[in-house]
C-alpha atoms as a PDB file:
ATOM      1  CA  MET A   1     156.081 189.106  91.786  1.00  0.00           C
ATOM      2  CA  LEU A   2     153.043 187.376  91.633  1.00  0.00           C
ATOM      3  CA  ALA A   3     154.908 183.698  91.778  1.00  0.00           C
ATOM      4  CA  VAL A   4     156.861 184.955  94.388  1.00  0.00           C
ATOM      5  CA  VAL A   5     154.207 186.339  96.717  1.00  0.00           C
ATOM      6  CA  ALA A   6     152.218 183.361  96.132  1.00  0.00           C
ATOM      7  CA  GLY A   7     154.649 180.711  96.349  1.00  0.00           C
ATOM      8  CA  LEU A   8     155.548 182.381 100.145  1.00  0.00           C
ATOM      9  CA  GLY A   9     151.950 182.194 101.046  1.00  0.00           C
ATOM     10  CA  ALA A  10     151.858 178.518 100.516  1.00  0.00           C
ATOM     11  CA  ALA A  11     154.921 177.930 102.366  1.00  0.00           C
ATOM     12  CA  THR A  12     153.556 179.498 105.453  1.00  0.00           C
ATOM     13  CA  ALA A  13     150.481 177.832 104.976  1.00  0.00           C
ATOM     14  CA  TRP A  14     151.588 174.670 104.678  1.00  0.00           C
ATOM     15  CA  ALA A  15     154.278 175.085 107.705  1.00  0.00           C
ATOM     16  CA  ALA A  16     151.201 175.604 109.726  1.00  0.00           C
ATOM     17  CA  SER A  17     149.681 172.696 108.510  1.00  0.00           C
ATOM     18  CA  THR A  18     152.765 170.404 108.812  1.00  0.00           C
ATOM     19  CA  LEU A  19     152.840 172.170 112.535  1.00  0.00           C
ATOM     20  CA  ALA A  20     149.348 171.230 112.977  1.00  0.00           C
ATOM     21  CA  SER A  21     148.936 167.725 111.610  1.00  0.00           C
ATOM     22  CA  THR A  22     152.297 166.373 112.502  1.00  0.00           C
ATOM     23  CA  ARG A  23     150.253 166.812 116.637  1.00  0.00           C
ATOM     24  CA  ALA A  24     146.958 165.363 114.959  1.00  0.00           C
ATOM     25  CA  SER A  25     148.341 162.326 113.490  1.00  0.00           C
ATOM     26  CA  ARG A  26     150.286 161.099 116.722  1.00  0.00           C
ATOM     27  CA  LEU A  27     146.569 161.746 118.610  1.00  0.00           C
ATOM     28  CA  ILE A  28     144.433 159.985 115.924  1.00  0.00           C
ATOM     29  CA  GLY A  29     146.390 158.419 113.346  1.00  0.00           C
ATOM     30  CA  ALA A  30     147.243 159.210 109.936  1.00  0.00           C
ATOM     31  CA  ALA A  31     144.366 157.979 108.058  1.00  0.00           C
ATOM     32  CA  SER A  32     141.745 159.780 110.756  1.00  0.00           C
ATOM     33  CA  THR A  33     144.283 162.754 110.333  1.00  0.00           C
ATOM     34  CA  VAL A  34     144.034 162.989 106.080  1.00  0.00           C
ATOM     35  CA  GLY A  35     140.323 162.415 106.744  1.00  0.00           C
ATOM     36  CA  TRP A  36     139.268 165.195 108.958  1.00  0.00           C
ATOM     37  CA  VAL A  37     141.643 167.624 107.094  1.00  0.00           C
ATOM     38  CA  THR A  38     140.178 167.199 103.611  1.00  0.00           C
ATOM     39  CA  ALA A  39     136.869 166.954 105.108  1.00  0.00           C
ATOM     40  CA  VAL A  40     137.302 170.425 106.585  1.00  0.00           C
ATOM     41  CA  GLY A  41     138.667 172.241 104.170  1.00  0.00           C
ATOM     42  CA  LEU A  42     135.970 170.973 101.703  1.00  0.00           C
ATOM     43  CA  PRO A  43     133.078 173.162 102.333  1.00  0.00           C
ATOM     44  CA  LEU A  44     135.719 176.199 101.645  1.00  0.00           C
ATOM     45  CA  ALA A  45     136.680 174.659  98.354  1.00  0.00           C
ATOM     46  CA  VAL A  46     133.073 173.854  97.337  1.00  0.00           C
ATOM     47  CA  ALA A  47     132.221 177.552  97.913  1.00  0.00           C
ATOM     48  CA  ALA A  48     135.154 179.337  96.176  1.00  0.00           C
ATOM     49  CA  ALA A  49     134.246 176.421  93.036  1.00  0.00           C
ATOM     50  CA  VAL A  50     130.853 177.471  93.036  1.00  0.00           C
ATOM     51  CA  ALA A  51     131.174 181.147  93.230  1.00  0.00           C
ATOM     52  CA  ASP A  52     133.490 180.938  89.622  1.00  0.00           C
ATOM     53  CA  ARG A  53     132.691 178.387  86.849  1.00  0.00           C
ATOM     54  CA  ASN A  54     134.086 180.387  84.237  1.00  0.00           C
ATOM     55  CA  GLY A  55     135.928 177.886  82.056  1.00  0.00           C
ATOM     56  CA  VAL A  56     135.421 174.665  83.186  1.00  0.00           C
ATOM     57  CA  SER A  57     135.345 171.971  80.529  1.00  0.00           C
ATOM     58  CA  ALA A  58     136.245 168.509  80.385  1.00  0.00           C
ATOM     59  CA  THR A  59     139.880 168.711  78.894  1.00  0.00           C
ATOM     60  CA  ALA A  60     140.738 169.328  82.938  1.00  0.00           C
ATOM     61  CA  LEU A  61     139.756 166.485  84.235  1.00  0.00           C
ATOM     62  CA  PRO A  62     142.769 164.460  83.948  1.00  0.00           C
ATOM     63  CA  TRP A  63     144.485 167.473  86.047  1.00  0.00           C
ATOM     64  CA  LEU A  64     142.110 167.575  88.542  1.00  0.00           C
ATOM     65  CA  ALA A  65     142.359 163.528  88.976  1.00  0.00           C
ATOM     66  CA  ILE A  66     146.360 163.819  89.312  1.00  0.00           C
ATOM     67  CA  ALA A  67     146.303 166.947  91.510  1.00  0.00           C
ATOM     68  CA  GLY A  68     143.440 165.261  93.909  1.00  0.00           C
ATOM     69  CA  LEU A  69     145.267 161.793  93.925  1.00  0.00           C
ATOM     70  CA  GLY A  70     148.595 163.420  94.021  1.00  0.00           C
ATOM     71  CA  ASN A  71     148.048 165.035  97.100  1.00  0.00           C
ATOM     72  CA  VAL A  72     145.847 162.934  99.177  1.00  0.00           C
ATOM     73  CA  ALA A  73     148.293 160.001  98.353  1.00  0.00           C
ATOM     74  CA  GLY A  74     150.884 162.162  99.341  1.00  0.00           C
ATOM     75  CA  LEU A  75     149.541 163.097 103.083  1.00  0.00           C
ATOM     76  CA  VAL A  76     148.708 159.540 103.753  1.00  0.00           C
ATOM     77  CA  LEU A  77     152.493 159.072 103.609  1.00  0.00           C
ATOM     78  CA  THR A  78     153.302 162.287 104.934  1.00  0.00           C
ATOM     79  CA  TYR A  79     151.435 161.422 108.669  1.00  0.00           C
ATOM     80  CA  ARG A  80     152.249 158.049 108.690  1.00  0.00           C
ATOM     81  CA  ALA A  81     156.147 158.810 108.428  1.00  0.00           C
ATOM     82  CA  LEU A  82     155.319 161.955 110.829  1.00  0.00           C
ATOM     83  CA  ARG A  83     153.800 159.474 113.185  1.00  0.00           C
ATOM     84  CA  ILE A  84     156.837 156.751 113.379  1.00  0.00           C
ATOM     85  CA  GLY A  85     159.928 159.103 112.622  1.00  0.00           C
ATOM     86  CA  PRO A  86     161.491 162.254 113.436  1.00  0.00           C
ATOM     87  CA  VAL A  87     160.159 165.796 111.941  1.00  0.00           C
ATOM     88  CA  SER A  88     163.877 166.598 110.655  1.00  0.00           C
ATOM     89  CA  VAL A  89     163.966 163.280 108.292  1.00  0.00           C
ATOM     90  CA  VAL A  90     160.301 163.684 107.063  1.00  0.00           C
ATOM     91  CA  ALA A  91     159.987 167.823 106.482  1.00  0.00           C
ATOM     92  CA  PRO A  92     163.087 168.450 104.728  1.00  0.00           C
ATOM     93  CA  LEU A  93     162.799 164.604 102.241  1.00  0.00           C
ATOM     94  CA  VAL A  94     158.686 166.323 101.794  1.00  0.00           C
ATOM     95  CA  SER A  95     160.037 169.603 100.912  1.00  0.00           C
ATOM     96  CA  MET A  96     161.642 168.631  97.578  1.00  0.00           C
ATOM     97  CA  GLU A  97     158.041 168.500  96.338  1.00  0.00           C
ATOM     98  CA  GLY A  98     158.772 172.004  94.996  1.00  0.00           C
ATOM     99  CA  ALA A  99     161.766 170.923  92.893  1.00  0.00           C
ATOM    100  CA  VAL A 100     160.169 167.818  91.256  1.00  0.00           C
ATOM    101  CA  ALA A 101     157.241 170.234  90.428  1.00  0.00           C
ATOM    102  CA  ALA A 102     159.603 172.145  88.797  1.00  0.00           C
ATOM    103  CA  LEU A 103     161.654 169.871  87.155  1.00  0.00           C
ATOM    104  CA  LEU A 104     158.204 168.657  85.370  1.00  0.00           C
ATOM    105  CA  SER A 105     157.778 172.334  84.584  1.00  0.00           C
ATOM    106  CA  LEU A 106     161.281 172.369  82.597  1.00  0.00           C
ATOM    107  CA  ALA A 107     160.926 168.882  80.879  1.00  0.00           C
ATOM    108  CA  THR A 108     157.029 170.525  79.665  1.00  0.00           C
ATOM    109  CA  GLY A 109     159.009 173.076  77.953  1.00  0.00           C
ATOM    110  CA  SER A 110     159.395 175.925  80.493  1.00  0.00           C
ATOM    111  CA  SER A 111     161.983 178.204  80.444  1.00  0.00           C
ATOM    112  CA  ILE A 112     164.285 179.800  82.978  1.00  0.00           C
ATOM    113  CA  SER A 113     167.379 181.701  82.995  1.00  0.00           C
ATOM    114  CA  PRO A 114     170.385 180.831  84.253  1.00  0.00           C
ATOM    115  CA  MET A 115     170.586 183.305  87.266  1.00  0.00           C
ATOM    116  CA  LEU A 116     167.161 182.672  88.399  1.00  0.00           C
ATOM    117  CA  LEU A 117     168.457 178.861  87.875  1.00  0.00           C
ATOM    118  CA  SER A 118     170.827 180.066  90.425  1.00  0.00           C
ATOM    119  CA  ALA A 119     169.057 181.428  93.057  1.00  0.00           C
ATOM    120  CA  LEU A 120     166.161 179.086  93.184  1.00  0.00           C
ATOM    121  CA  GLY A 121     168.767 176.486  94.182  1.00  0.00           C
ATOM    122  CA  LEU A 122     170.344 178.142  96.968  1.00  0.00           C
ATOM    123  CA  VAL A 123     166.401 178.468  98.080  1.00  0.00           C
ATOM    124  CA  VAL A 124     166.497 174.556  97.828  1.00  0.00           C
ATOM    125  CA  VAL A 125     169.528 174.239  99.739  1.00  0.00           C
ATOM    126  CA  GLY A 126     169.387 176.039 102.213  1.00  0.00           C
ATOM    127  CA  GLY A 127     165.956 174.568 103.287  1.00  0.00           C
ATOM    128  CA  ALA A 128     167.895 171.383 103.236  1.00  0.00           C
ATOM    129  CA  LEU A 129     170.128 172.728 105.624  1.00  0.00           C
ATOM    130  CA  THR A 130     167.502 174.299 107.296  1.00  0.00           C
ATOM    131  CA  ALA A 131     164.966 171.373 107.948  1.00  0.00           C
ATOM    132  CA  THR A 132     168.192 168.498 108.508  1.00  0.00           C
ATOM    133  CA  ALA A 133     169.458 170.113 111.238  1.00  0.00           C
ATOM    134  CA  ALA A 134     166.070 170.551 112.643  1.00  0.00           C
ATOM    135  CA  THR A 135     164.951 168.964 115.678  1.00  0.00           C
ATOM    136  CA  ASP A 136     160.933 168.879 116.750  1.00  0.00           C
ATOM    137  CA  THR A 137     161.024 168.900 120.745  1.00  0.00           C
ATOM    138  CA  ASP A 138     157.569 168.747 120.812  1.00  0.00           C
ATOM    139  CA  ALA A 139     157.001 166.145 119.008  1.00  0.00           C
ATOM    140  CA  HIS A 140     159.590 163.584 120.857  1.00  0.00           C
ATOM    141  CA  ALA A 141     157.486 164.938 123.899  1.00  0.00           C
ATOM    142  CA  GLN A 142     154.485 163.031 123.006  1.00  0.00           C
ATOM    143  CA  ALA A 143     156.026 160.096 121.277  1.00  0.00           C
ATOM    144  CA  PRO A 144     158.688 157.741 122.122  1.00  0.00           C
ATOM    145  CA  ARG A 145     162.345 157.263 121.022  1.00  0.00           C
ATOM    146  CA  PHE A 146     162.109 156.681 117.240  1.00  0.00           C
ATOM    147  CA  THR A 147     164.698 153.546 116.070  1.00  0.00           C
ATOM    148  CA  ALA A 148     166.583 153.361 113.133  1.00  0.00           C
ATOM    149  CA  SER A 149     164.261 151.412 110.930  1.00  0.00           C
ATOM    150  CA  ASP A 150     161.738 153.625 111.448  1.00  0.00           C
ATOM    151  CA  ALA A 151     163.666 156.203 110.852  1.00  0.00           C
ATOM    152  CA  ARG A 152     164.882 154.330 107.834  1.00  0.00           C
ATOM    153  CA  LEU A 153     160.560 153.592 106.616  1.00  0.00           C
ATOM    154  CA  ALA A 154     159.837 157.216 107.311  1.00  0.00           C
ATOM    155  CA  ALA A 155     162.668 158.663 104.934  1.00  0.00           C
ATOM    156  CA  LEU A 156     160.975 155.866 102.646  1.00  0.00           C
ATOM    157  CA  LEU A 157     157.351 157.025 102.560  1.00  0.00           C
ATOM    158  CA  ALA A 158     158.549 161.083 102.828  1.00  0.00           C
ATOM    159  CA  LEU A 159     160.288 160.585  99.508  1.00  0.00           C
ATOM    160  CA  VAL A 160     157.394 158.558  97.795  1.00  0.00           C
ATOM    161  CA  ALA A 161     155.375 161.693  99.124  1.00  0.00           C
ATOM    162  CA  ALA A 162     157.445 164.304  97.690  1.00  0.00           C
ATOM    163  CA  VAL A 163     157.420 162.406  94.019  1.00  0.00           C
ATOM    164  CA  LEU A 164     153.423 162.515  94.816  1.00  0.00           C
ATOM    165  CA  PHE A 165     153.140 166.271  95.845  1.00  0.00           C
ATOM    166  CA  GLY A 166     155.213 167.236  92.826  1.00  0.00           C
ATOM    167  CA  ALA A 167     153.264 165.803  90.338  1.00  0.00           C
ATOM    168  CA  SER A 168     149.702 167.189  92.623  1.00  0.00           C
ATOM    169  CA  LEU A 169     151.565 170.543  92.447  1.00  0.00           C
ATOM    170  CA  TYR A 170     152.612 170.530  88.451  1.00  0.00           C
ATOM    171  CA  ALA A 171     149.052 169.772  88.328  1.00  0.00           C
ATOM    172  CA  THR A 172     147.511 172.075  89.997  1.00  0.00           C
ATOM    173  CA  ALA A 173     149.727 174.758  88.215  1.00  0.00           C
ATOM    174  CA  GLN A 174     148.151 173.713  85.106  1.00  0.00           C
ATOM    175  CA  ILE A 175     144.158 173.902  87.051  1.00  0.00           C
ATOM    176  CA  GLY A 176     145.204 177.488  87.983  1.00  0.00           C
ATOM    177  CA  ARG A 177     146.235 178.567  84.461  1.00  0.00           C
ATOM    178  CA  SER A 178     143.039 177.422  82.825  1.00  0.00           C
ATOM    179  CA  LEU A 179     140.445 177.903  85.799  1.00  0.00           C
ATOM    180  CA  PRO A 180     139.647 179.568  88.435  1.00  0.00           C
ATOM    181  CA  ILE A 181     141.525 179.297  91.517  1.00  0.00           C
ATOM    182  CA  GLY A 182     138.805 177.147  93.336  1.00  0.00           C
ATOM    183  CA  TRP A 183     139.030 174.677  91.128  1.00  0.00           C
ATOM    184  CA  ALA A 184     142.563 173.937  91.983  1.00  0.00           C
ATOM    185  CA  VAL A 185     141.658 173.821  95.408  1.00  0.00           C
ATOM    186  CA  LEU A 186     138.511 171.541  95.387  1.00  0.00           C
ATOM    187  CA  ALA A 187     140.792 168.546  93.390  1.00  0.00           C
ATOM    188  CA  PRO A 188     142.385 167.548  96.825  1.00  0.00           C
ATOM    189  CA  ARG A 189     139.414 167.946  99.068  1.00  0.00           C
ATOM    190  CA  VAL A 190     136.935 165.792  97.288  1.00  0.00           C
ATOM    191  CA  THR A 191     139.226 163.402  96.699  1.00  0.00           C
ATOM    192  CA  GLY A 192     140.469 162.739 100.149  1.00  0.00           C
ATOM    193  CA  THR A 193     136.413 163.417 101.319  1.00  0.00           C
ATOM    194  CA  VAL A 194     134.916 160.815  98.880  1.00  0.00           C
ATOM    195  CA  LEU A 195     138.130 157.983  98.923  1.00  0.00           C
ATOM    196  CA  VAL A 196     139.502 158.561 102.773  1.00  0.00           C
ATOM    197  CA  ALA A 197     137.026 160.438 105.099  1.00  0.00           C
ATOM    198  CA  MET A 198     133.871 158.647 103.656  1.00  0.00           C
ATOM    199  CA  PRO A 199     135.153 155.228 104.141  1.00  0.00           C
ATOM    200  CA  LEU A 200     136.822 155.188 107.242  1.00  0.00           C
ATOM    201  CA  ALA A 201     133.052 156.872 108.245  1.00  0.00           C
ATOM    202  CA  VAL A 202     131.272 154.147 107.541  1.00  0.00           C
ATOM    203  CA  ARG A 203     133.538 151.595 109.292  1.00  0.00           C
ATOM    204  CA  ARG A 204     133.453 154.318 112.159  1.00  0.00           C
ATOM    205  CA  ARG A 205     137.023 154.897 112.306  1.00  0.00           C
ATOM    206  CA  LEU A 206     137.125 157.823 111.674  1.00  0.00           C
ATOM    207  CA  VAL A 207     138.533 159.144 115.045  1.00  0.00           C
ATOM    208  CA  LEU A 208     138.437 163.004 115.773  1.00  0.00           C
ATOM    209  CA  THR A 209     139.193 162.892 119.831  1.00  0.00           C
ATOM    210  CA  ARG A 210     139.035 166.991 121.378  1.00  0.00           C
ATOM    211  CA  PRO A 211     142.768 167.869 121.871  1.00  0.00           C
ATOM    212  CA  ALA A 212     143.205 166.928 118.021  1.00  0.00           C
ATOM    213  CA  ALA A 213     139.994 168.665 117.177  1.00  0.00           C
ATOM    214  CA  PRO A 214     141.577 172.685 116.635  1.00  0.00           C
ATOM    215  CA  PHE A 215     144.787 170.969 115.245  1.00  0.00           C
ATOM    216  CA  VAL A 216     143.030 169.392 112.416  1.00  0.00           C
ATOM    217  CA  VAL A 217     140.747 172.532 111.762  1.00  0.00           C
ATOM    218  CA  LEU A 218     143.618 174.649 111.635  1.00  0.00           C
ATOM    219  CA  ALA A 219     145.482 172.243 109.015  1.00  0.00           C
ATOM    220  CA  GLY A 220     142.570 171.753 107.168  1.00  0.00           C
ATOM    221  CA  ILE A 221     142.412 175.644 106.183  1.00  0.00           C
ATOM    222  CA  ALA A 222     145.787 176.073 105.853  1.00  0.00           C
ATOM    223  CA  GLU A 223     146.048 173.447 103.134  1.00  0.00           C
ATOM    224  CA  VAL A 224     143.284 175.248 100.908  1.00  0.00           C
ATOM    225  CA  VAL A 225     145.277 178.615 101.616  1.00  0.00           C
ATOM    226  CA  GLY A 226     148.478 176.517 100.548  1.00  0.00           C
ATOM    227  CA  PHE A 227     146.495 175.616  97.002  1.00  0.00           C
ATOM    228  CA  ALA A 228     144.772 178.597  96.086  1.00  0.00           C
ATOM    229  CA  CYS A 229     148.143 180.702  96.223  1.00  0.00           C
ATOM    230  CA  ILE A 230     149.667 177.984  94.245  1.00  0.00           C
ATOM    231  CA  GLY A 231     146.482 178.264  91.958  1.00  0.00           C
ATOM    232  CA  LEU A 232     147.102 182.104  91.558  1.00  0.00           C
ATOM    233  CA  GLY A 233     151.410 181.820  91.548  1.00  0.00           C
ATOM    234  CA  SER A 234     151.159 179.627  88.874  1.00  0.00           C
ATOM    235  CA  ARG A 235     149.461 181.992  86.597  1.00  0.00           C
ATOM    236  CA  SER A 236     152.911 184.051  86.524  1.00  0.00           C
ATOM    237  CA  ASP A 237     155.749 181.126  86.837  1.00  0.00           C
ATOM    238  CA  VAL A 238     155.186 177.375  87.735  1.00  0.00           C
ATOM    239  CA  ALA A 239     158.817 176.864  88.884  1.00  0.00           C
ATOM    240  CA  VAL A 240     158.993 179.733  91.101  1.00  0.00           C
ATOM    241  CA  THR A 241     155.780 179.003  92.687  1.00  0.00           C
ATOM    242  CA  ALA A 242     156.430 175.400  93.286  1.00  0.00           C
ATOM    243  CA  VAL A 243     160.161 176.097  94.762  1.00  0.00           C
ATOM    244  CA  LEU A 244     159.347 178.672  97.622  1.00  0.00           C
ATOM    245  CA  ALA A 245     156.257 177.192  98.498  1.00  0.00           C
ATOM    246  CA  SER A 246     158.448 173.981  98.999  1.00  0.00           C
ATOM    247  CA  GLN A 247     159.988 175.840 101.701  1.00  0.00           C
ATOM    248  CA  PHE A 248     157.374 175.545 104.413  1.00  0.00           C
ATOM    249  CA  ALA A 249     160.031 173.358 105.979  1.00  0.00           C
ATOM    250  CA  VAL A 250     162.110 176.546 106.894  1.00  0.00           C
ATOM    251  CA  VAL A 251     158.736 178.573 108.198  1.00  0.00           C
ATOM    252  CA  ALA A 252     157.970 175.441 110.303  1.00  0.00           C
ATOM    253  CA  VAL A 253     161.240 175.590 111.715  1.00  0.00           C
ATOM    254  CA  ILE A 254     161.125 179.556 112.080  1.00  0.00           C
ATOM    255  CA  GLY A 255     157.461 178.712 114.079  1.00  0.00           C
ATOM    256  CA  ALA A 256     158.646 176.110 116.127  1.00  0.00           C
ATOM    257  CA  VAL A 257     161.225 178.367 117.668  1.00  0.00           C
ATOM    258  CA  LEU A 258     158.548 180.488 118.087  1.00  0.00           C
ATOM    259  CA  VAL A 259     155.936 178.733 119.339  1.00  0.00           C
ATOM    260  CA  PHE A 260     157.632 175.603 120.781  1.00  0.00           C
ATOM    261  CA  GLY A 261     160.736 177.265 122.411  1.00  0.00           C
ATOM    262  CA  GLU A 262     163.459 175.237 120.333  1.00  0.00           C
ATOM    263  CA  ARG A 263     166.704 176.932 119.810  1.00  0.00           C
ATOM    264  CA  LEU A 264     168.366 176.929 116.897  1.00  0.00           C
ATOM    265  CA  GLY A 265     171.679 175.345 115.245  1.00  0.00           C
ATOM    266  CA  TRP A 266     174.375 176.849 113.413  1.00  0.00           C
ATOM    267  CA  THR A 267     173.227 175.015 110.634  1.00  0.00           C
ATOM    268  CA  GLN A 268     169.917 176.059 110.940  1.00  0.00           C
ATOM    269  CA  ARG A 269     170.728 180.099 111.092  1.00  0.00           C
ATOM    270  CA  ILE A 270     172.577 179.555 107.702  1.00  0.00           C
ATOM    271  CA  GLY A 271     169.965 177.635 105.703  1.00  0.00           C
ATOM    272  CA  ILE A 272     167.790 180.248 106.609  1.00  0.00           C
ATOM    273  CA  ALA A 273     170.193 182.743 105.731  1.00  0.00           C
ATOM    274  CA  ALA A 274     170.686 181.301 102.950  1.00  0.00           C
ATOM    275  CA  VAL A 275     166.709 180.846 101.808  1.00  0.00           C
ATOM    276  CA  ALA A 276     166.513 184.932 102.755  1.00  0.00           C
ATOM    277  CA  ILE A 277     168.986 185.667 100.206  1.00  0.00           C
ATOM    278  CA  GLY A 278     167.837 183.325  97.975  1.00  0.00           C
ATOM    279  CA  THR A 279     164.302 184.236  97.798  1.00  0.00           C
ATOM    280  CA  ALA A 280     165.721 188.216  97.824  1.00  0.00           C
ATOM    281  CA  LEU A 281     167.104 187.139  94.227  1.00  0.00           C
ATOM    282  CA  VAL A 282     164.672 185.316  92.807  1.00  0.00           C
ATOM    283  CA  ALA A 283     162.174 188.066  93.927  1.00  0.00           C
ATOM    284  CA  ALA A 284     164.572 190.781  92.428  1.00  0.00           C
ATOM    285  CA  LEU A 285     164.579 188.897  89.172  1.00  0.00           C
ATOM    286  CA  GLN A 286     161.173 188.203  89.032  1.00  0.00           C
ATOM    287  CA  ALA A 287     160.673 192.417  89.465  1.00  0.00           C
END
């Protein structure tokens, strides 16, 4: 049950981050958005890591590196994709990160029952249906109409980002099993600050405008919360946590309906119902 709660918590947090960072990336660019999002979350991550240093050793460094580099590279590609392409193309592809992490977990020896695998599959299919049919009216109001070539490039960037995020999620799960949760959160924040925010600041290219400021703050805090949930849930089940967390696209669609007044098509409604049923089955099987 811990994996279910943590996975859904991560999905909710990352949905908020997706909505906020989409707006920010179209206001100040992908690189500056990544820089500010990681910099905002850094103090929170440092405080959490310093508060609990039990069990920290050099053996965790490879996992910390993979978690940090995979997340930051994935963010750069995702924000770039959201800047040039529609969310309805980018979101479902990026949400495949959970499936990538689950496959890595299974490939390295984790076991899963056929019933649980079927329930997770229903969640993935529902998420794909929901996000594929989604529209982002707020984003389209802020940007010109996307061309077919831009959409194809956005899709390619999103696919690569999903693989990078999946590797980062798996590494974060390994960190969460052996280290305090704060350290699982810290790696991406330090990596993004050192490799993105600081170089941009030195070159005076770290842009921040007043309209973008609240969005990068929200995204930065939400990213930290999401990673903390992944670290917590991985102590119970990596695959379940990762797949449920990847359904942030579904939560983002629901958020867009509530916040932006978007309408849901029948395909999206079927997708959301599938996610709800699949999640309930996962929860029942994990109880």
